[in-house]
PDB file of N, CA and C in Angstrom:
ATOM      1  N   MET A   1       0.514  -1.168  -0.034  1.00  0.00           N
ATOM      2  CA  MET A   1      -0.343  -0.285  -0.202  1.00  0.00           C
ATOM      3  C   MET A   1       0.916   1.075   0.440  1.00  0.00           C
ATOM      4  N   THR A   2       0.695   2.279  -0.704  1.00  0.00           N
ATOM      5  CA  THR A   2       1.324   2.999  -1.046  1.00  0.00           C
ATOM      6  C   THR A   2       0.365   4.666  -0.468  1.00  0.00           C
ATOM      7  N   ILE A   3       0.813   5.502   0.441  1.00  0.00           N
ATOM      8  CA  ILE A   3       0.095   6.483   0.510  1.00  0.00           C
ATOM      9  C   ILE A   3       0.952   7.538   0.382  1.00  0.00           C
ATOM     10  N   GLU A   4       0.851   8.830  -0.456  1.00  0.00           N
ATOM     11  CA  GLU A   4       1.842   9.393  -0.388  1.00  0.00           C
ATOM     12  C   GLU A   4       1.040  10.766  -1.328  1.00  0.00           C
ATOM     13  N   ASP A   5       1.836  12.311  -1.361  1.00  0.00           N
ATOM     14  CA  ASP A   5       0.941  13.919  -1.295  1.00  0.00           C
ATOM     15  C   ASP A   5      -0.431  13.832  -0.716  1.00  0.00           C
ATOM     16  N   SER A   6      -0.024  13.909   0.202  1.00  0.00           N
ATOM     17  CA  SER A   6      -1.385  14.266   1.620  1.00  0.00           C
ATOM     18  C   SER A   6      -1.570  14.882   2.087  1.00  0.00           C
ATOM     19  N   LEU A   7      -2.894  15.562   2.373  1.00  0.00           N
ATOM     20  CA  LEU A   7      -2.676  16.283   3.746  1.00  0.00           C
ATOM     21  C   LEU A   7      -3.861  15.345   4.389  1.00  0.00           C
ATOM     22  N   ALA A   8      -3.894  14.827   5.502  1.00  0.00           N
ATOM     23  CA  ALA A   8      -4.180  15.169   6.441  1.00  0.00           C
ATOM     24  C   ALA A   8      -4.651  16.012   8.142  1.00  0.00           C
ATOM     25  N   TYR A   9      -5.689  17.184   7.767  1.00  0.00           N
ATOM     26  CA  TYR A   9      -6.336  17.677   8.375  1.00  0.00           C
ATOM     27  C   TYR A   9      -7.204  18.091   9.606  1.00  0.00           C
ATOM     28  N   ALA A  10      -7.051  18.300  10.958  1.00  0.00           N
ATOM     29  CA  ALA A  10      -7.752  18.314  12.022  1.00  0.00           C
ATOM     30  C   ALA A  10      -9.249  16.983  11.670  1.00  0.00           C
ATOM     31  N   ASN A  11      -8.192  15.772  11.094  1.00  0.00           N
ATOM     32  CA  ASN A  11      -9.308  15.257  11.841  1.00  0.00           C
ATOM     33  C   ASN A  11      -9.521  14.428  12.740  1.00  0.00           C
ATOM     34  N   GLY A  12     -11.209  13.649  13.298  1.00  0.00           N
ATOM     35  CA  GLY A  12     -11.337  13.905  14.648  1.00  0.00           C
ATOM     36  C   GLY A  12     -12.258  15.383  15.481  1.00  0.00           C
ATOM     37  N   THR A  13     -12.806  15.953  14.521  1.00  0.00           N
ATOM     38  CA  THR A  13     -13.194  17.481  15.129  1.00  0.00           C
ATOM     39  C   THR A  13     -14.228  17.074  14.246  1.00  0.00           C
ATOM     40  N   LEU A  14     -15.500  17.830  15.007  1.00  0.00           N
ATOM     41  CA  LEU A  14     -16.789  17.289  13.926  1.00  0.00           C
ATOM     42  C   LEU A  14     -16.939  18.725  13.730  1.00  0.00           C
ATOM     43  N   GLY A  15     -17.958  18.714  12.803  1.00  0.00           N
ATOM     44  CA  GLY A  15     -18.335  20.339  12.344  1.00  0.00           C
ATOM     45  C   GLY A  15     -18.608  20.705  13.056  1.00  0.00           C
ATOM     46  N   ASP A  16     -18.955  21.225  14.771  1.00  0.00           N
ATOM     47  CA  ASP A  16     -19.562  22.329  15.731  1.00  0.00           C
ATOM     48  C   ASP A  16     -18.345  21.899  16.517  1.00  0.00           C
ATOM     49  N   GLY A  17     -16.946  21.630  16.244  1.00  0.00           N
ATOM     50  CA  GLY A  17     -15.989  21.758  16.432  1.00  0.00           C
ATOM     51  C   GLY A  17     -15.927  20.516  18.187  1.00  0.00           C
ATOM     52  N   THR A  18     -16.569  20.069  17.848  1.00  0.00           N
ATOM     53  CA  THR A  18     -16.978  18.080  19.358  1.00  0.00           C
ATOM     54  C   THR A  18     -16.189  17.083  18.762  1.00  0.00           C
ATOM     55  N   VAL A  19     -15.591  16.346  19.558  1.00  0.00           N
ATOM     56  CA  VAL A  19     -14.940  15.094  19.437  1.00  0.00           C
ATOM     57  C   VAL A  19     -15.893  14.408  19.708  1.00  0.00           C
ATOM     58  N   ASN A  20     -16.243  13.181  19.247  1.00  0.00           N
ATOM     59  CA  ASN A  20     -17.026  11.959  19.499  1.00  0.00           C
ATOM     60  C   ASN A  20     -15.785  10.609  19.704  1.00  0.00           C
ATOM     61  N   LYS A  21     -15.996  11.127  21.144  1.00  0.00           N
ATOM     62  CA  LYS A  21     -14.963   9.465  21.463  1.00  0.00           C
ATOM     63  C   LYS A  21     -15.563   7.912  21.546  1.00  0.00           C
ATOM     64  N   ASN A  22     -16.582   8.068  21.046  1.00  0.00           N
ATOM     65  CA  ASN A  22     -17.230   6.681  21.331  1.00  0.00           C
ATOM     66  C   ASN A  22     -16.908   5.824  19.828  1.00  0.00           C
ATOM     67  N   GLY A  23     -16.203   6.369  19.261  1.00  0.00           N
ATOM     68  CA  GLY A  23     -15.759   5.940  18.142  1.00  0.00           C
ATOM     69  C   GLY A  23     -14.385   4.697  18.343  1.00  0.00           C
ATOM     70  N   ASP A  24     -13.461   4.105  17.455  1.00  0.00           N
ATOM     71  CA  ASP A  24     -12.880   3.389  17.611  1.00  0.00           C
ATOM     72  C   ASP A  24     -11.470   4.431  16.968  1.00  0.00           C
ATOM     73  N   ARG A  25     -11.753   5.795  17.081  1.00  0.00           N
ATOM     74  CA  ARG A  25     -10.452   6.938  17.264  1.00  0.00           C
ATOM     75  C   ARG A  25      -9.450   6.928  15.804  1.00  0.00           C
ATOM     76  N   ASN A  26      -9.903   5.599  14.751  1.00  0.00           N
ATOM     77  CA  ASN A  26      -9.055   5.904  13.665  1.00  0.00           C
ATOM     78  C   ASN A  26      -9.232   7.422  12.501  1.00  0.00           C
ATOM     79  N   GLY A  27      -9.915   7.116  12.748  1.00  0.00           N
ATOM     80  CA  GLY A  27     -10.231   8.711  12.087  1.00  0.00           C
ATOM     81  C   GLY A  27      -9.758  10.324  12.944  1.00  0.00           C
ATOM     82  N   HIS A  28      -9.124   9.784  14.403  1.00  0.00           N
ATOM     83  CA  HIS A  28      -9.189  11.050  15.186  1.00  0.00           C
ATOM     84  C   HIS A  28      -7.112  10.900  15.038  1.00  0.00           C
ATOM     85  N   HIS A  29      -6.354  10.347  14.164  1.00  0.00           N
ATOM     86  CA  HIS A  29      -5.682  10.005  13.743  1.00  0.00           C
ATOM     87  C   HIS A  29      -5.776  10.723  12.070  1.00  0.00           C
ATOM     88  N   GLY A  30      -4.389  11.623  11.835  1.00  0.00           N
ATOM     89  CA  GLY A  30      -4.204  11.642  10.741  1.00  0.00           C
ATOM     90  C   GLY A  30      -4.191  11.273   9.351  1.00  0.00           C
ATOM     91  N   PHE A  31      -3.028   9.639   9.823  1.00  0.00           N
ATOM     92  CA  PHE A  31      -2.378   8.752   8.659  1.00  0.00           C
ATOM     93  C   PHE A  31      -2.056   7.268   9.594  1.00  0.00           C
ATOM     94  N   THR A  32      -2.432   6.326   9.662  1.00  0.00           N
ATOM     95  CA  THR A  32      -3.562   5.763  10.605  1.00  0.00           C
ATOM     96  C   THR A  32      -2.667   4.020   9.823  1.00  0.00           C
ATOM     97  N   HIS A  33      -2.132   2.718  10.465  1.00  0.00           N
ATOM     98  CA  HIS A  33      -1.394   1.562   9.810  1.00  0.00           C
ATOM     99  C   HIS A  33      -3.012   0.831  10.347  1.00  0.00           C
ATOM    100  N   ASN A  34      -3.409   1.237  10.471  1.00  0.00           N
ATOM    101  CA  ASN A  34      -5.290   0.289  11.549  1.00  0.00           C
ATOM    102  C   ASN A  34      -5.068  -0.571  11.554  1.00  0.00           C
ATOM    103  N   SER A  35      -3.407  -1.256  11.539  1.00  0.00           N
ATOM    104  CA  SER A  35      -3.821  -2.769  12.529  1.00  0.00           C
ATOM    105  C   SER A  35      -3.440  -3.386  11.501  1.00  0.00           C
ATOM    106  N   ASN A  36      -3.068  -2.586  10.192  1.00  0.00           N
ATOM    107  CA  ASN A  36      -2.266  -3.569   9.160  1.00  0.00           C
ATOM    108  C   ASN A  36      -0.744  -3.697   9.753  1.00  0.00           C
ATOM    109  N   PRO A  37      -0.224  -5.216   9.923  1.00  0.00           N
ATOM    110  CA  PRO A  37       0.715  -5.031  10.291  1.00  0.00           C
ATOM    111  C   PRO A  37       2.042  -5.445   8.603  1.00  0.00           C
ATOM    112  N   GLY A  38       1.567  -5.747   7.339  1.00  0.00           N
ATOM    113  CA  GLY A  38       2.216  -4.653   6.345  1.00  0.00           C
ATOM    114  C   GLY A  38       2.971  -4.258   6.296  1.00  0.00           C
ATOM    115  N   SER A  39       3.856  -4.061   5.396  1.00  0.00           N
ATOM    116  CA  SER A  39       5.010  -2.601   4.734  1.00  0.00           C
ATOM    117  C   SER A  39       4.281  -1.619   3.697  1.00  0.00           C
ATOM    118  N   MET A  40       4.090  -0.767   4.210  1.00  0.00           N
ATOM    119  CA  MET A  40       3.286   1.006   3.563  1.00  0.00           C
ATOM    120  C   MET A  40       4.573   1.723   3.543  1.00  0.00           C
ATOM    121  N   SER A  41       4.313   2.529   1.783  1.00  0.00           N
ATOM    122  CA  SER A  41       5.034   3.024   1.427  1.00  0.00           C
ATOM    123  C   SER A  41       4.358   4.275   1.723  1.00  0.00           C
ATOM    124  N   VAL A  42       4.965   5.484   2.363  1.00  0.00           N
ATOM    125  CA  VAL A  42       3.863   6.563   3.422  1.00  0.00           C
ATOM    126  C   VAL A  42       5.006   7.876   3.136  1.00  0.00           C
ATOM    127  N   SER A  43       4.455   8.663   1.761  1.00  0.00           N
ATOM    128  CA  SER A  43       6.377  10.164   1.648  1.00  0.00           C
ATOM    129  C   SER A  43       4.761  11.256   1.003  1.00  0.00           C
ATOM    130  N   ASP A  44       5.840  11.566   1.724  1.00  0.00           N
ATOM    131  CA  ASP A  44       5.154  13.255   0.794  1.00  0.00           C
ATOM    132  C   ASP A  44       4.150  14.190   1.740  1.00  0.00           C
ATOM    133  N   ASP A  45       3.682  13.401   2.620  1.00  0.00           N
ATOM    134  CA  ASP A  45       2.298  13.225   2.970  1.00  0.00           C
ATOM    135  C   ASP A  45       2.125  14.606   4.384  1.00  0.00           C
ATOM    136  N   VAL A  46       1.582  15.284   4.613  1.00  0.00           N
ATOM    137  CA  VAL A  46       0.904  16.142   5.741  1.00  0.00           C
ATOM    138  C   VAL A  46      -0.048  15.871   6.709  1.00  0.00           C
ATOM    139  N   GLY A  47       0.857  15.779   8.086  1.00  0.00           N
ATOM    140  CA  GLY A  47      -0.533  15.845   9.122  1.00  0.00           C
ATOM    141  C   GLY A  47      -0.338  16.892   9.894  1.00  0.00           C
ATOM    142  N   ILE A  48      -1.320  17.564  10.139  1.00  0.00           N
ATOM    143  CA  ILE A  48      -1.831  19.013  11.059  1.00  0.00           C
ATOM    144  C   ILE A  48      -3.043  18.761  11.901  1.00  0.00           C
ATOM    145  N   ASP A  49      -2.638  19.239  13.057  1.00  0.00           N
ATOM    146  CA  ASP A  49      -3.709  19.242  14.230  1.00  0.00           C
ATOM    147  C   ASP A  49      -5.225  18.223  14.751  1.00  0.00           C
ATOM    148  N   ASN A  50      -4.407  17.000  14.059  1.00  0.00           N
ATOM    149  CA  ASN A  50      -5.468  16.254  13.839  1.00  0.00           C
ATOM    150  C   ASN A  50      -5.880  15.277  15.836  1.00  0.00           C
ATOM    151  N   ALA A  51      -6.575  14.963  16.256  1.00  0.00           N
ATOM    152  CA  ALA A  51      -7.447  14.962  16.900  1.00  0.00           C
ATOM    153  C   ALA A  51      -6.205  13.947  18.788  1.00  0.00           C
ATOM    154  N   GLU A  52      -5.637  13.123  17.933  1.00  0.00           N
ATOM    155  CA  GLU A  52      -4.668  12.610  18.588  1.00  0.00           C
ATOM    156  C   GLU A  52      -3.580  12.132  17.716  1.00  0.00           C
ATOM    157  N   ARG A  53      -2.894  11.078  16.968  1.00  0.00           N
ATOM    158  CA  ARG A  53      -1.441  11.498  16.041  1.00  0.00           C
ATOM    159  C   ARG A  53      -1.663  11.891  15.012  1.00  0.00           C
ATOM    160  N   ASN A  54      -1.203  12.610  14.473  1.00  0.00           N
ATOM    161  CA  ASN A  54      -0.706  13.173  13.269  1.00  0.00           C
ATOM    162  C   ASN A  54      -0.541  12.068  12.140  1.00  0.00           C
ATOM    163  N   PHE A  55       0.592  11.136  12.733  1.00  0.00           N
ATOM    164  CA  PHE A  55       1.226  10.001  11.910  1.00  0.00           C
ATOM    165  C   PHE A  55       0.899   8.782  13.300  1.00  0.00           C
ATOM    166  N   SER A  56      -0.050   7.886  12.333  1.00  0.00           N
ATOM    167  CA  SER A  56      -0.533   6.126  13.647  1.00  0.00           C
ATOM    168  C   SER A  56      -0.099   5.063  13.631  1.00  0.00           C
ATOM    169  N   PHE A  57       1.753   4.511  13.224  1.00  0.00           N
ATOM    170  CA  PHE A  57       2.458   3.212  12.688  1.00  0.00           C
ATOM    171  C   PHE A  57       2.612   2.599  14.147  1.00  0.00           C
ATOM    172  N   ASP A  58       1.947   1.983  14.934  1.00  0.00           N
ATOM    173  CA  ASP A  58       2.489   1.224  15.915  1.00  0.00           C
ATOM    174  C   ASP A  58       3.053  -0.390  15.970  1.00  0.00           C
ATOM    175  N   THR A  59       2.836  -0.709  14.527  1.00  0.00           N
ATOM    176  CA  THR A  59       3.529  -1.998  14.539  1.00  0.00           C
ATOM    177  C   THR A  59       3.868  -1.871  12.187  1.00  0.00           C
ATOM    178  N   GLY A  60       4.490  -2.706  11.688  1.00  0.00           N
ATOM    179  CA  GLY A  60       4.336  -3.535  10.685  1.00  0.00           C
ATOM    180  C   GLY A  60       6.303  -3.165  10.420  1.00  0.00           C
ATOM    181  N   THR A  61       6.527  -2.831   9.093  1.00  0.00           N
ATOM    182  CA  THR A  61       7.614  -2.326   8.263  1.00  0.00           C
ATOM    183  C   THR A  61       7.389  -1.236   7.112  1.00  0.00           C
ATOM    184  N   SER A  62       7.057  -0.591   7.850  1.00  0.00           N
ATOM    185  CA  SER A  62       6.329   0.188   6.472  1.00  0.00           C
ATOM    186  C   SER A  62       7.383   1.493   6.220  1.00  0.00           C
ATOM    187  N   VAL A  63       7.762   2.013   5.263  1.00  0.00           N
ATOM    188  CA  VAL A  63       8.968   2.949   5.316  1.00  0.00           C
ATOM    189  C   VAL A  63       8.576   4.803   5.166  1.00  0.00           C
ATOM    190  N   PHE A  64       9.152   5.463   5.672  1.00  0.00           N
ATOM    191  CA  PHE A  64       8.787   7.148   5.545  1.00  0.00           C
ATOM    192  C   PHE A  64       9.180   8.092   5.147  1.00  0.00           C
ATOM    193  N   ARG A  65       8.964   8.706   4.295  1.00  0.00           N
ATOM    194  CA  ARG A  65       9.980   9.811   3.488  1.00  0.00           C
ATOM    195  C   ARG A  65       9.296  10.341   2.989  1.00  0.00           C
ATOM    196  N   ASN A  66       9.874  12.411   3.846  1.00  0.00           N
ATOM    197  CA  ASN A  66       9.372  13.343   3.923  1.00  0.00           C
ATOM    198  C   ASN A  66       7.553  14.401   4.298  1.00  0.00           C
ATOM    199  N   ASP A  67       7.875  13.188   5.708  1.00  0.00           N
ATOM    200  CA  ASP A  67       6.446  13.513   5.643  1.00  0.00           C
ATOM    201  C   ASP A  67       7.550  14.774   6.764  1.00  0.00           C
ATOM    202  N   THR A  68       5.986  15.406   6.833  1.00  0.00           N
ATOM    203  CA  THR A  68       5.920  16.688   8.120  1.00  0.00           C
ATOM    204  C   THR A  68       4.636  16.418   8.835  1.00  0.00           C
ATOM    205  N   SER A  69       4.481  16.250   9.528  1.00  0.00           N
ATOM    206  CA  SER A  69       3.489  16.383  11.159  1.00  0.00           C
ATOM    207  C   SER A  69       3.761  18.011  12.011  1.00  0.00           C
ATOM    208  N   CYS A  70       2.410  18.308  12.451  1.00  0.00           N
ATOM    209  CA  CYS A  70       2.861  19.880  12.694  1.00  0.00           C
ATOM    210  C   CYS A  70       2.083  20.035  13.658  1.00  0.00           C
ATOM    211  N   ARG A  71       1.743  20.841  15.155  1.00  0.00           N
ATOM    212  CA  ARG A  71       0.485  21.316  15.948  1.00  0.00           C
ATOM    213  C   ARG A  71       0.546  22.408  16.220  1.00  0.00           C
ATOM    214  N   PHE A  72      -0.813  22.892  16.158  1.00  0.00           N
ATOM    215  CA  PHE A  72      -0.925  24.454  15.843  1.00  0.00           C
ATOM    216  C   PHE A  72      -1.386  25.156  17.428  1.00  0.00           C
ATOM    217  N   ALA A  73      -2.880  23.846  17.426  1.00  0.00           N
ATOM    218  CA  ALA A  73      -3.852  23.869  18.326  1.00  0.00           C
ATOM    219  C   ALA A  73      -3.784  23.388  19.598  1.00  0.00           C
ATOM    220  N   GLY A  74      -2.306  22.928  20.018  1.00  0.00           N
ATOM    221  CA  GLY A  74      -2.245  21.811  21.674  1.00  0.00           C
ATOM    222  C   GLY A  74      -3.018  20.374  21.229  1.00  0.00           C
ATOM    223  N   GLY A  75      -3.147  19.958  22.083  1.00  0.00           N
ATOM    224  CA  GLY A  75      -3.070  18.406  22.227  1.00  0.00           C
ATOM    225  C   GLY A  75      -2.628  17.540  21.501  1.00  0.00           C
ATOM    226  N   GLY A  76      -3.546  15.973  21.347  1.00  0.00           N
ATOM    227  CA  GLY A  76      -2.712  15.234  20.550  1.00  0.00           C
ATOM    228  C   GLY A  76      -1.920  14.557  21.047  1.00  0.00           C
ATOM    229  N   SER A  77      -0.996  13.340  20.416  1.00  0.00           N
ATOM    230  CA  SER A  77      -0.238  12.765  21.512  1.00  0.00           C
ATOM    231  C   SER A  77       1.024  12.610  20.158  1.00  0.00           C
ATOM    232  N   ASN A  78       2.400  12.727  20.705  1.00  0.00           N
ATOM    233  CA  ASN A  78       3.191  12.113  19.604  1.00  0.00           C
ATOM    234  C   ASN A  78       3.007  11.099  18.826  1.00  0.00           C
ATOM    235  N   ASP A  79       3.090  11.410  17.614  1.00  0.00           N
ATOM    236  CA  ASP A  79       3.636   9.980  16.091  1.00  0.00           C
ATOM    237  C   ASP A  79       4.217   9.330  16.538  1.00  0.00           C
ATOM    238  N   LYS A  80       3.448   7.896  16.399  1.00  0.00           N
ATOM    239  CA  LYS A  80       4.193   6.410  16.288  1.00  0.00           C
ATOM    240  C   LYS A  80       4.608   6.166  15.224  1.00  0.00           C
ATOM    241  N   THR A  81       5.964   6.281  14.612  1.00  0.00           N
ATOM    242  CA  THR A  81       6.381   5.035  13.193  1.00  0.00           C
ATOM    243  C   THR A  81       6.890   4.215  13.698  1.00  0.00           C
ATOM    244  N   VAL A  82       6.596   3.092  13.669  1.00  0.00           N
ATOM    245  CA  VAL A  82       7.870   2.266  13.177  1.00  0.00           C
ATOM    246  C   VAL A  82       7.877   1.523  12.041  1.00  0.00           C
ATOM    247  N   GLY A  83       9.408   1.646  11.702  1.00  0.00           N
ATOM    248  CA  GLY A  83       9.456   1.134  10.280  1.00  0.00           C
ATOM    249  C   GLY A  83      10.915   1.892  10.395  1.00  0.00           C
ATOM    250  N   SER A  84      10.980   2.156   8.898  1.00  0.00           N
ATOM    251  CA  SER A  84      12.059   2.573   7.956  1.00  0.00           C
ATOM    252  C   SER A  84      11.654   4.565   8.117  1.00  0.00           C
ATOM    253  N   VAL A  85      12.347   5.568   9.025  1.00  0.00           N
ATOM    254  CA  VAL A  85      12.532   6.392   9.306  1.00  0.00           C
ATOM    255  C   VAL A  85      13.831   7.999   9.145  1.00  0.00           C
ATOM    256  N   ASP A  86      13.880   8.639   7.755  1.00  0.00           N
ATOM    257  CA  ASP A  86      15.224   9.060   7.631  1.00  0.00           C
ATOM    258  C   ASP A  86      15.042  10.398   8.371  1.00  0.00           C
ATOM    259  N   SER A  87      16.068  11.140   7.901  1.00  0.00           N
ATOM    260  CA  SER A  87      16.142  12.526   8.713  1.00  0.00           C
ATOM    261  C   SER A  87      15.545  13.700   7.195  1.00  0.00           C
ATOM    262  N   SER A  88      14.792  12.763   6.362  1.00  0.00           N
ATOM    263  CA  SER A  88      13.680  13.369   5.468  1.00  0.00           C
ATOM    264  C   SER A  88      12.078  13.960   5.863  1.00  0.00           C
ATOM    265  N   ASP A  89      11.776  12.829   7.362  1.00  0.00           N
ATOM    266  CA  ASP A  89      10.714  12.873   7.562  1.00  0.00           C
ATOM    267  C   ASP A  89      10.918  13.762   9.061  1.00  0.00           C
ATOM    268  N   GLN A  90      10.095  14.839   9.214  1.00  0.00           N
ATOM    269  CA  GLN A  90       9.608  15.389  10.402  1.00  0.00           C
ATOM    270  C   GLN A  90       8.795  15.355  11.361  1.00  0.00           C
ATOM    271  N   PHE A  91       8.775  13.943  12.357  1.00  0.00           N
ATOM    272  CA  PHE A  91       7.429  13.905  13.182  1.00  0.00           C
ATOM    273  C   PHE A  91       7.430  14.820  14.370  1.00  0.00           C
ATOM    274  N   TRP A  92       6.363  15.101  14.622  1.00  0.00           N
ATOM    275  CA  TRP A  92       5.935  15.701  15.925  1.00  0.00           C
ATOM    276  C   TRP A  92       5.896  14.295  17.224  1.00  0.00           C
ATOM    277  N   THR A  93       7.185  15.751  18.161  1.00  0.00           N
ATOM    278  CA  THR A  93       7.652  14.853  19.483  1.00  0.00           C
ATOM    279  C   THR A  93       7.776  15.671  20.146  1.00  0.00           C
ATOM    280  N   GLY A  94       6.620  16.722  20.192  1.00  0.00           N
ATOM    281  CA  GLY A  94       6.473  17.503  21.619  1.00  0.00           C
ATOM    282  C   GLY A  94       6.660  19.047  21.264  1.00  0.00           C
ATOM    283  N   GLU A  95       7.469  19.526  19.618  1.00  0.00           N
ATOM    284  CA  GLU A  95       7.457  20.764  19.019  1.00  0.00           C
ATOM    285  C   GLU A  95       7.566  20.776  17.295  1.00  0.00           C
ATOM    286  N   ASN A  96       7.331  21.586  16.796  1.00  0.00           N
ATOM    287  CA  ASN A  96       7.741  21.814  15.865  1.00  0.00           C
ATOM    288  C   ASN A  96       9.002  21.809  15.157  1.00  0.00           C
ATOM    289  N   GLY A  97       9.204  21.283  13.977  1.00  0.00           N
ATOM    290  CA  GLY A  97      10.100  21.397  12.671  1.00  0.00           C
ATOM    291  C   GLY A  97       9.894  22.553  12.016  1.00  0.00           C
ATOM    292  N   SER A  98      10.497  22.994  11.425  1.00  0.00           N
ATOM    293  CA  SER A  98      11.617  23.897  10.510  1.00  0.00           C
ATOM    294  C   SER A  98      10.337  24.454   9.699  1.00  0.00           C
ATOM    295  N   ARG A  99       9.948  22.700   9.177  1.00  0.00           N
ATOM    296  CA  ARG A  99       9.037  22.972   8.031  1.00  0.00           C
ATOM    297  C   ARG A  99       7.446  23.454   8.137  1.00  0.00           C
ATOM    298  N   CYS A 100       7.231  23.442   9.189  1.00  0.00           N
ATOM    299  CA  CYS A 100       6.165  23.568   9.941  1.00  0.00           C
ATOM    300  C   CYS A 100       5.553  24.701   9.200  1.00  0.00           C
ATOM    301  N   ALA A 101       6.324  26.081   9.359  1.00  0.00           N
ATOM    302  CA  ALA A 101       5.912  27.793   9.264  1.00  0.00           C
ATOM    303  C   ALA A 101       5.253  27.770   7.818  1.00  0.00           C
ATOM    304  N   SER A 102       5.500  26.670   7.201  1.00  0.00           N
ATOM    305  CA  SER A 102       5.174  26.800   6.503  1.00  0.00           C
ATOM    306  C   SER A 102       3.372  26.604   5.980  1.00  0.00           C
ATOM    307  N   TYR A 103       2.846  25.585   6.803  1.00  0.00           N
ATOM    308  CA  TYR A 103       1.425  25.863   7.376  1.00  0.00           C
ATOM    309  C   TYR A 103       0.581  26.282   8.622  1.00  0.00           C
ATOM    310  N   THR A 104       1.317  27.820   8.915  1.00  0.00           N
ATOM    311  CA  THR A 104       0.795  28.271   9.750  1.00  0.00           C
ATOM    312  C   THR A 104      -0.263  29.145   9.508  1.00  0.00           C
ATOM    313  N   GLY A 105      -1.499  29.245  10.159  1.00  0.00           N
ATOM    314  CA  GLY A 105      -2.486  30.550   9.376  1.00  0.00           C
ATOM    315  C   GLY A 105      -3.972  29.220   9.353  1.00  0.00           C
ATOM    316  N   THR A 106      -4.485  30.263   8.433  1.00  0.00           N
ATOM    317  CA  THR A 106      -6.092  29.631   7.922  1.00  0.00           C
ATOM    318  C   THR A 106      -5.500  28.660   6.877  1.00  0.00           C
ATOM    319  N   VAL A 107      -6.673  27.605   7.013  1.00  0.00           N
ATOM    320  CA  VAL A 107      -6.355  26.361   6.283  1.00  0.00           C
ATOM    321  C   VAL A 107      -7.418  27.181   4.418  1.00  0.00           C
ATOM    322  N   LYS A 108      -7.046  27.509   3.399  1.00  0.00           N
ATOM    323  CA  LYS A 108      -8.114  27.408   2.532  1.00  0.00           C
ATOM    324  C   LYS A 108      -8.086  26.461   1.267  1.00  0.00           C
ATOM    325  N   TRP A 109      -8.979  25.844   0.322  1.00  0.00           N
ATOM    326  CA  TRP A 109      -9.093  25.185  -0.332  1.00  0.00           C
ATOM    327  C   TRP A 109      -9.800  25.861  -1.273  1.00  0.00           C
ATOM    328  N   SER A 110      -8.827  25.445  -2.838  1.00  0.00           N
ATOM    329  CA  SER A 110      -8.653  25.510  -4.026  1.00  0.00           C
ATOM    330  C   SER A 110      -8.741  24.568  -4.674  1.00  0.00           C
ATOM    331  N   PHE A 111      -9.455  24.331  -5.820  1.00  0.00           N
ATOM    332  CA  PHE A 111      -9.172  23.687  -7.246  1.00  0.00           C
ATOM    333  C   PHE A 111      -7.604  24.040  -8.234  1.00  0.00           C
ATOM    334  N   ALA A 112      -7.040  23.061  -8.448  1.00  0.00           N
ATOM    335  CA  ALA A 112      -6.021  22.876  -9.301  1.00  0.00           C
ATOM    336  C   ALA A 112      -7.025  23.365 -10.978  1.00  0.00           C
ATOM    337  N   SER A 113      -6.213  23.590 -11.306  1.00  0.00           N
ATOM    338  CA  SER A 113      -6.393  23.679 -13.019  1.00  0.00           C
ATOM    339  C   SER A 113      -6.787  21.542 -13.673  1.00  0.00           C
ATOM    340  N   ASP A 114      -5.679  21.399 -12.855  1.00  0.00           N
ATOM    341  CA  ASP A 114      -6.219  19.959 -13.358  1.00  0.00           C
ATOM    342  C   ASP A 114      -7.059  19.241 -12.579  1.00  0.00           C
ATOM    343  N   GLY A 115      -7.633  19.788 -11.362  1.00  0.00           N
ATOM    344  CA  GLY A 115      -8.700  19.435 -11.109  1.00  0.00           C
ATOM    345  C   GLY A 115      -8.426  18.616  -9.643  1.00  0.00           C
ATOM    346  N   ARG A 116      -6.976  19.348  -9.137  1.00  0.00           N
ATOM    347  CA  ARG A 116      -6.839  18.489  -7.841  1.00  0.00           C
ATOM    348  C   ARG A 116      -7.154  19.339  -7.032  1.00  0.00           C
ATOM    349  N   LEU A 117      -7.668  19.118  -5.727  1.00  0.00           N
ATOM    350  CA  LEU A 117      -7.708  19.838  -4.828  1.00  0.00           C
ATOM    351  C   LEU A 117      -6.815  20.048  -3.937  1.00  0.00           C
ATOM    352  N   VAL A 118      -6.374  21.289  -4.072  1.00  0.00           N
ATOM    353  CA  VAL A 118      -5.455  22.265  -3.013  1.00  0.00           C
ATOM    354  C   VAL A 118      -5.327  22.929  -1.728  1.00  0.00           C
ATOM    355  N   ALA A 119      -4.711  23.008  -0.914  1.00  0.00           N
ATOM    356  CA  ALA A 119      -4.533  23.468   0.039  1.00  0.00           C
ATOM    357  C   ALA A 119      -3.496  24.437   0.267  1.00  0.00           C
ATOM    358  N   THR A 120      -3.821  25.544   0.757  1.00  0.00           N
ATOM    359  CA  THR A 120      -3.026  26.941   0.973  1.00  0.00           C
ATOM    360  C   THR A 120      -3.332  27.072   2.734  1.00  0.00           C
ATOM    361  N   PHE A 121      -1.973  27.457   2.864  1.00  0.00           N
ATOM    362  CA  PHE A 121      -1.943  27.797   4.442  1.00  0.00           C
ATOM    363  C   PHE A 121      -1.437  29.504   4.643  1.00  0.00           C
ATOM    364  N   GLY A 122      -3.179  30.644   5.693  1.00  0.00           N
ATOM    365  CA  GLY A 122      -2.334  31.820   5.617  1.00  0.00           C
ATOM    366  C   GLY A 122      -3.498  32.835   6.200  1.00  0.00           C
TER     367      GLY A 122
END
């Protein structure tokens, strides 16, 4: 399985700002292995302010490359990434990495000329 070029933003928060604590909480993580013990390729993804973890991979042999995790709203847990992680990744471990400055402000959504949904911050 491959997850690439994706944004997970504020998962686990309902439209009215509340959080349903009765669910399995997978939707509260940005990116998750969801108990898949296999190998996944996770690259060029951004997780921002998801209710639990931005990246939650507790088991498996996944390969992570060029992923970014940011917290601006507080809360949440440190990311968990079991597998191959290198210096191209910036995961949340109590503080934001330098790349997170690119993701501050209000998120604005628009469509690119090729039909892709694009998020900009500011």
